[in-house]
Amino acid sequence: AEYMGGAGPGENVRYYYIAEHYGWALTQLFDVYGYGAVIILEEDLEIAPDFFSYFAATLPILRADPSLLCVSAYNDNGKAAVVSSPQTLLRTDMFPGLGWMLTRALWAEI
């Protein structure tokens, strides 16, 4: 497929291809297969033993709070030396898009 939109000066058109691919994939998962939430995971990551239970536990929070974009399992600062409590969830205005979950309701909104 050829990208038919316009990239401005200095823009990398590959980002548009990636966005189109995400759009296609999320449309398939939400609109064709009818999933209520999906987890997006980059292919080269190893998951922790509690990866799926973490997302299962945070899905009700994501559904209940419309101000949340997603739940992420990635934290640049999630190292033992800088984490004060492994049970604490924090909000951020960053989008750490390595392992994250979003809902069909958000997909319908955006």
N, C-alpha and C. Protein backbone atom coordinates (compact mmCIF):
# COMPACT_ATOMS: atom_id res chain seq x y z
N ALA A 1 0.84 -1.18 0.00
CA ALA A 1 0.00 0.00 0.00
C ALA A 1 0.88 1.24 0.00
N GLU A 2 0.42 2.23 -0.69
CA GLU A 2 1.17 3.48 -0.77
C GLU A 2 0.47 4.53 0.08
N TYR A 3 1.25 5.21 0.92
CA TYR A 3 0.70 6.26 1.76
C TYR A 3 0.30 7.43 0.87
N MET A 4 -0.98 7.85 1.01
CA MET A 4 -1.50 8.89 0.13
C MET A 4 -1.59 10.25 0.81
N GLY A 5 -1.24 10.32 2.10
CA GLY A 5 -1.29 11.59 2.80
C GLY A 5 -0.05 12.42 2.50
N GLY A 6 0.08 13.51 3.18
CA GLY A 6 1.23 14.38 2.94
C GLY A 6 2.12 14.48 4.16
N ALA A 7 3.38 14.30 3.95
CA ALA A 7 4.36 14.53 5.01
C ALA A 7 4.95 15.91 4.80
N GLY A 8 5.08 16.64 5.87
CA GLY A 8 5.66 17.97 5.77
C GLY A 8 7.17 17.90 5.66
N PRO A 9 7.79 19.02 5.42
CA PRO A 9 9.25 19.06 5.33
C PRO A 9 9.90 18.52 6.60
N GLY A 10 10.82 17.61 6.45
CA GLY A 10 11.53 17.03 7.57
C GLY A 10 10.80 15.91 8.28
N GLU A 11 9.55 15.62 7.89
CA GLU A 11 8.81 14.53 8.53
C GLU A 11 9.23 13.20 7.93
N ASN A 12 9.19 12.18 8.75
CA ASN A 12 9.50 10.83 8.30
C ASN A 12 8.19 10.14 7.93
N VAL A 13 7.98 9.84 6.68
CA VAL A 13 6.73 9.26 6.21
C VAL A 13 6.49 7.87 6.81
N ARG A 14 7.55 7.22 7.29
CA ARG A 14 7.37 5.89 7.90
C ARG A 14 6.45 5.93 9.11
N TYR A 15 6.41 7.05 9.84
CA TYR A 15 5.50 7.16 10.97
C TYR A 15 4.05 7.07 10.53
N TYR A 16 3.75 7.57 9.35
CA TYR A 16 2.39 7.48 8.83
C TYR A 16 2.04 6.03 8.50
N TYR A 17 2.99 5.29 7.96
CA TYR A 17 2.75 3.87 7.68
C TYR A 17 2.49 3.10 8.97
N ILE A 18 3.27 3.40 10.00
CA ILE A 18 3.06 2.74 11.29
C ILE A 18 1.69 3.07 11.85
N ALA A 19 1.29 4.34 11.77
CA ALA A 19 -0.03 4.75 12.26
C ALA A 19 -1.14 4.05 11.48
N GLU A 20 -0.99 3.94 10.17
CA GLU A 20 -1.98 3.24 9.37
C GLU A 20 -2.06 1.77 9.76
N HIS A 21 -0.91 1.16 10.03
CA HIS A 21 -0.91 -0.25 10.44
C HIS A 21 -1.61 -0.42 11.79
N TYR A 22 -1.31 0.45 12.76
CA TYR A 22 -2.00 0.39 14.04
C TYR A 22 -3.51 0.56 13.84
N GLY A 23 -3.90 1.51 13.00
CA GLY A 23 -5.32 1.72 12.73
C GLY A 23 -5.98 0.48 12.17
N TRP A 24 -5.32 -0.15 11.21
CA TRP A 24 -5.88 -1.38 10.63
C TRP A 24 -5.98 -2.48 11.68
N ALA A 25 -4.90 -2.71 12.43
CA ALA A 25 -4.88 -3.79 13.42
C ALA A 25 -5.92 -3.57 14.51
N LEU A 26 -6.03 -2.34 15.02
CA LEU A 26 -7.00 -2.07 16.08
C LEU A 26 -8.43 -2.15 15.56
N THR A 27 -8.66 -1.75 14.32
CA THR A 27 -9.99 -1.92 13.72
C THR A 27 -10.35 -3.39 13.65
N GLN A 28 -9.40 -4.23 13.27
CA GLN A 28 -9.66 -5.67 13.22
C GLN A 28 -10.02 -6.21 14.61
N LEU A 29 -9.23 -5.86 15.60
CA LEU A 29 -9.43 -6.40 16.94
C LEU A 29 -10.72 -5.92 17.58
N PHE A 30 -11.02 -4.62 17.45
CA PHE A 30 -12.20 -4.07 18.10
C PHE A 30 -13.46 -4.22 17.26
N ASP A 31 -13.39 -3.83 16.00
CA ASP A 31 -14.60 -3.76 15.18
C ASP A 31 -14.94 -5.07 14.49
N VAL A 32 -13.95 -5.84 14.09
CA VAL A 32 -14.21 -7.11 13.41
C VAL A 32 -14.37 -8.25 14.41
N TYR A 33 -13.41 -8.38 15.33
CA TYR A 33 -13.46 -9.49 16.29
C TYR A 33 -14.20 -9.15 17.57
N GLY A 34 -14.46 -7.88 17.84
CA GLY A 34 -15.29 -7.48 18.97
C GLY A 34 -14.65 -7.53 20.34
N TYR A 35 -13.33 -7.48 20.42
CA TYR A 35 -12.69 -7.47 21.74
C TYR A 35 -13.03 -6.19 22.48
N GLY A 36 -13.15 -6.27 23.80
CA GLY A 36 -13.45 -5.11 24.62
C GLY A 36 -12.22 -4.33 25.04
N ALA A 37 -11.07 -5.00 25.03
CA ALA A 37 -9.79 -4.37 25.36
C ALA A 37 -8.69 -5.19 24.69
N VAL A 38 -7.60 -4.53 24.37
CA VAL A 38 -6.47 -5.24 23.77
C VAL A 38 -5.17 -4.78 24.43
N ILE A 39 -4.21 -5.68 24.43
CA ILE A 39 -2.87 -5.37 24.91
C ILE A 39 -1.96 -5.32 23.69
N ILE A 40 -1.24 -4.24 23.55
CA ILE A 40 -0.27 -4.06 22.47
C ILE A 40 1.11 -4.28 23.08
N LEU A 41 1.86 -5.21 22.50
CA LEU A 41 3.16 -5.57 23.05
C LEU A 41 4.17 -5.61 21.92
N GLU A 42 5.26 -4.90 22.07
CA GLU A 42 6.31 -4.97 21.06
C GLU A 42 6.90 -6.37 21.05
N GLU A 43 7.25 -6.83 19.87
CA GLU A 43 7.62 -8.24 19.68
C GLU A 43 8.92 -8.65 20.34
N ASP A 44 9.76 -7.72 20.72
CA ASP A 44 11.06 -8.09 21.26
C ASP A 44 11.13 -7.99 22.78
N LEU A 45 9.99 -7.83 23.45
CA LEU A 45 10.00 -7.70 24.90
C LEU A 45 9.72 -9.04 25.58
N GLU A 46 10.36 -9.22 26.71
CA GLU A 46 10.04 -10.36 27.56
C GLU A 46 9.06 -9.88 28.61
N ILE A 47 8.06 -10.70 28.90
CA ILE A 47 7.06 -10.28 29.88
C ILE A 47 7.35 -10.89 31.24
N ALA A 48 6.94 -10.17 32.26
CA ALA A 48 7.11 -10.62 33.65
C ALA A 48 6.06 -11.68 33.96
N PRO A 49 6.29 -12.49 34.98
CA PRO A 49 5.31 -13.52 35.34
C PRO A 49 3.93 -12.96 35.68
N ASP A 50 3.88 -11.71 36.17
CA ASP A 50 2.59 -11.12 36.54
C ASP A 50 2.01 -10.22 35.45
N PHE A 51 2.52 -10.30 34.24
CA PHE A 51 2.10 -9.42 33.14
C PHE A 51 0.59 -9.46 32.92
N PHE A 52 0.03 -10.63 32.73
CA PHE A 52 -1.41 -10.72 32.43
C PHE A 52 -2.27 -10.44 33.66
N SER A 53 -1.82 -10.84 34.84
CA SER A 53 -2.61 -10.53 36.03
C SER A 53 -2.60 -9.03 36.32
N TYR A 54 -1.49 -8.35 35.99
CA TYR A 54 -1.42 -6.89 36.12
C TYR A 54 -2.48 -6.23 35.25
N PHE A 55 -2.56 -6.63 34.00
CA PHE A 55 -3.54 -6.04 33.11
C PHE A 55 -4.96 -6.41 33.51
N ALA A 56 -5.17 -7.63 33.97
CA ALA A 56 -6.51 -8.02 34.44
C ALA A 56 -6.92 -7.17 35.64
N ALA A 57 -5.97 -6.87 36.52
CA ALA A 57 -6.28 -6.08 37.71
C ALA A 57 -6.50 -4.61 37.38
N THR A 58 -5.85 -4.10 36.33
CA THR A 58 -5.98 -2.67 36.01
C THR A 58 -7.07 -2.38 34.98
N LEU A 59 -7.60 -3.40 34.34
CA LEU A 59 -8.68 -3.17 33.36
C LEU A 59 -9.89 -2.48 33.98
N PRO A 60 -10.37 -2.88 35.16
CA PRO A 60 -11.51 -2.15 35.75
C PRO A 60 -11.21 -0.67 36.00
N ILE A 61 -9.97 -0.34 36.36
CA ILE A 61 -9.59 1.06 36.57
C ILE A 61 -9.65 1.81 35.24
N LEU A 62 -9.11 1.21 34.20
CA LEU A 62 -9.12 1.83 32.88
C LEU A 62 -10.55 2.07 32.39
N ARG A 63 -11.41 1.09 32.60
CA ARG A 63 -12.81 1.24 32.16
C ARG A 63 -13.57 2.29 32.98
N ALA A 64 -13.22 2.43 34.26
CA ALA A 64 -13.96 3.33 35.14
C ALA A 64 -13.53 4.79 35.02
N ASP A 65 -12.33 5.04 34.52
CA ASP A 65 -11.79 6.40 34.50
C ASP A 65 -11.61 6.88 33.06
N PRO A 66 -12.55 7.66 32.54
CA PRO A 66 -12.46 8.10 31.14
C PRO A 66 -11.30 9.07 30.87
N SER A 67 -10.64 9.55 31.92
CA SER A 67 -9.49 10.43 31.70
C SER A 67 -8.21 9.65 31.40
N LEU A 68 -8.25 8.34 31.53
CA LEU A 68 -7.08 7.51 31.22
C LEU A 68 -7.08 7.12 29.75
N LEU A 69 -5.94 7.24 29.12
CA LEU A 69 -5.77 6.81 27.74
C LEU A 69 -5.53 5.31 27.68
N CYS A 70 -4.66 4.82 28.54
CA CYS A 70 -4.30 3.41 28.51
C CYS A 70 -3.68 3.03 29.85
N VAL A 71 -3.39 1.74 29.99
CA VAL A 71 -2.59 1.23 31.09
C VAL A 71 -1.32 0.69 30.46
N SER A 72 -0.19 1.04 31.03
CA SER A 72 1.08 0.59 30.49
C SER A 72 1.81 -0.28 31.51
N ALA A 73 2.52 -1.27 31.00
CA ALA A 73 3.33 -2.14 31.86
C ALA A 73 4.79 -1.76 31.78
N TYR A 74 5.10 -0.66 31.12
CA TYR A 74 6.49 -0.26 30.97
C TYR A 74 6.76 1.01 31.75
N ASN A 75 7.89 1.05 32.42
CA ASN A 75 8.28 2.23 33.18
C ASN A 75 9.78 2.39 33.04
N ASP A 76 10.20 3.47 32.44
CA ASP A 76 11.63 3.75 32.29
C ASP A 76 12.36 3.76 33.63
N ASN A 77 11.64 4.16 34.67
CA ASN A 77 12.26 4.28 36.00
C ASN A 77 11.89 3.12 36.91
N GLY A 78 11.43 2.02 36.38
CA GLY A 78 10.97 0.89 37.18
C GLY A 78 12.08 -0.04 37.63
N LYS A 79 13.16 0.51 38.08
CA LYS A 79 14.30 -0.29 38.57
C LYS A 79 14.26 -0.32 40.09
N ALA A 80 14.73 -1.40 40.65
CA ALA A 80 14.66 -1.59 42.10
C ALA A 80 15.25 -0.41 42.88
N ALA A 81 16.29 0.21 42.36
CA ALA A 81 16.95 1.31 43.07
C ALA A 81 16.11 2.58 43.15
N VAL A 82 15.11 2.74 42.27
CA VAL A 82 14.33 3.98 42.26
C VAL A 82 12.84 3.78 42.54
N VAL A 83 12.42 2.57 42.77
CA VAL A 83 11.00 2.30 43.04
C VAL A 83 10.83 2.14 44.55
N SER A 84 9.94 2.94 45.12
CA SER A 84 9.74 2.88 46.57
C SER A 84 8.72 1.83 46.97
N SER A 85 7.77 1.50 46.07
CA SER A 85 6.75 0.51 46.38
C SER A 85 6.35 -0.21 45.10
N PRO A 86 6.56 -1.52 45.04
CA PRO A 86 6.15 -2.26 43.85
C PRO A 86 4.64 -2.38 43.70
N GLN A 87 3.86 -1.99 44.71
CA GLN A 87 2.41 -2.05 44.64
C GLN A 87 1.77 -0.74 44.17
N THR A 88 2.55 0.30 43.99
CA THR A 88 2.02 1.62 43.66
C THR A 88 1.83 1.77 42.15
N LEU A 89 0.67 2.29 41.76
CA LEU A 89 0.42 2.66 40.37
C LEU A 89 0.49 4.17 40.26
N LEU A 90 1.16 4.65 39.24
CA LEU A 90 1.30 6.09 39.04
C LEU A 90 0.74 6.51 37.69
N ARG A 91 0.16 7.69 37.66
CA ARG A 91 -0.28 8.29 36.40
C ARG A 91 0.88 9.07 35.80
N THR A 92 0.87 9.19 34.49
CA THR A 92 1.88 10.00 33.83
C THR A 92 1.26 10.67 32.61
N ASP A 93 1.87 11.72 32.15
CA ASP A 93 1.41 12.34 30.91
C ASP A 93 2.28 11.90 29.74
N MET A 94 3.18 10.97 29.99
CA MET A 94 3.99 10.36 28.93
C MET A 94 3.25 9.16 28.36
N PHE A 95 3.58 8.79 27.15
CA PHE A 95 3.01 7.57 26.58
C PHE A 95 4.13 6.55 26.39
N PRO A 96 4.29 5.65 27.35
CA PRO A 96 5.32 4.62 27.21
C PRO A 96 4.75 3.44 26.42
N GLY A 97 4.86 3.48 25.13
CA GLY A 97 4.17 2.52 24.27
C GLY A 97 4.89 1.23 23.98
N LEU A 98 5.35 0.52 24.97
CA LEU A 98 6.01 -0.76 24.73
C LEU A 98 5.10 -1.93 25.06
N GLY A 99 4.37 -1.85 26.12
CA GLY A 99 3.39 -2.86 26.50
C GLY A 99 2.23 -2.13 27.14
N TRP A 100 1.12 -2.00 26.43
CA TRP A 100 0.03 -1.16 26.91
C TRP A 100 -1.31 -1.74 26.50
N MET A 101 -2.36 -1.32 27.21
CA MET A 101 -3.71 -1.82 26.98
C MET A 101 -4.65 -0.63 26.78
N LEU A 102 -5.54 -0.77 25.80
CA LEU A 102 -6.59 0.23 25.63
C LEU A 102 -7.92 -0.46 25.41
N THR A 103 -9.00 0.29 25.60
CA THR A 103 -10.34 -0.27 25.52
C THR A 103 -11.01 0.06 24.18
N ARG A 104 -12.02 -0.71 23.88
CA ARG A 104 -12.80 -0.45 22.67
C ARG A 104 -13.47 0.93 22.76
N ALA A 105 -13.89 1.34 23.97
CA ALA A 105 -14.54 2.66 24.13
C ALA A 105 -13.58 3.78 23.73
N LEU A 106 -12.32 3.69 24.13
CA LEU A 106 -11.37 4.71 23.74
C LEU A 106 -11.14 4.67 22.23
N TRP A 107 -11.01 3.48 21.67
CA TRP A 107 -10.80 3.35 20.23
C TRP A 107 -11.95 4.00 19.47
N ALA A 108 -13.17 3.81 19.94
CA ALA A 108 -14.34 4.41 19.29
C ALA A 108 -14.29 5.94 19.39
N GLU A 109 -13.70 6.45 20.47
CA GLU A 109 -13.63 7.89 20.69
C GLU A 109 -12.57 8.55 19.81
N ILE A 110 -11.45 7.87 19.61
CA ILE A 110 -10.37 8.49 18.85
C ILE A 110 -10.48 8.14 17.40
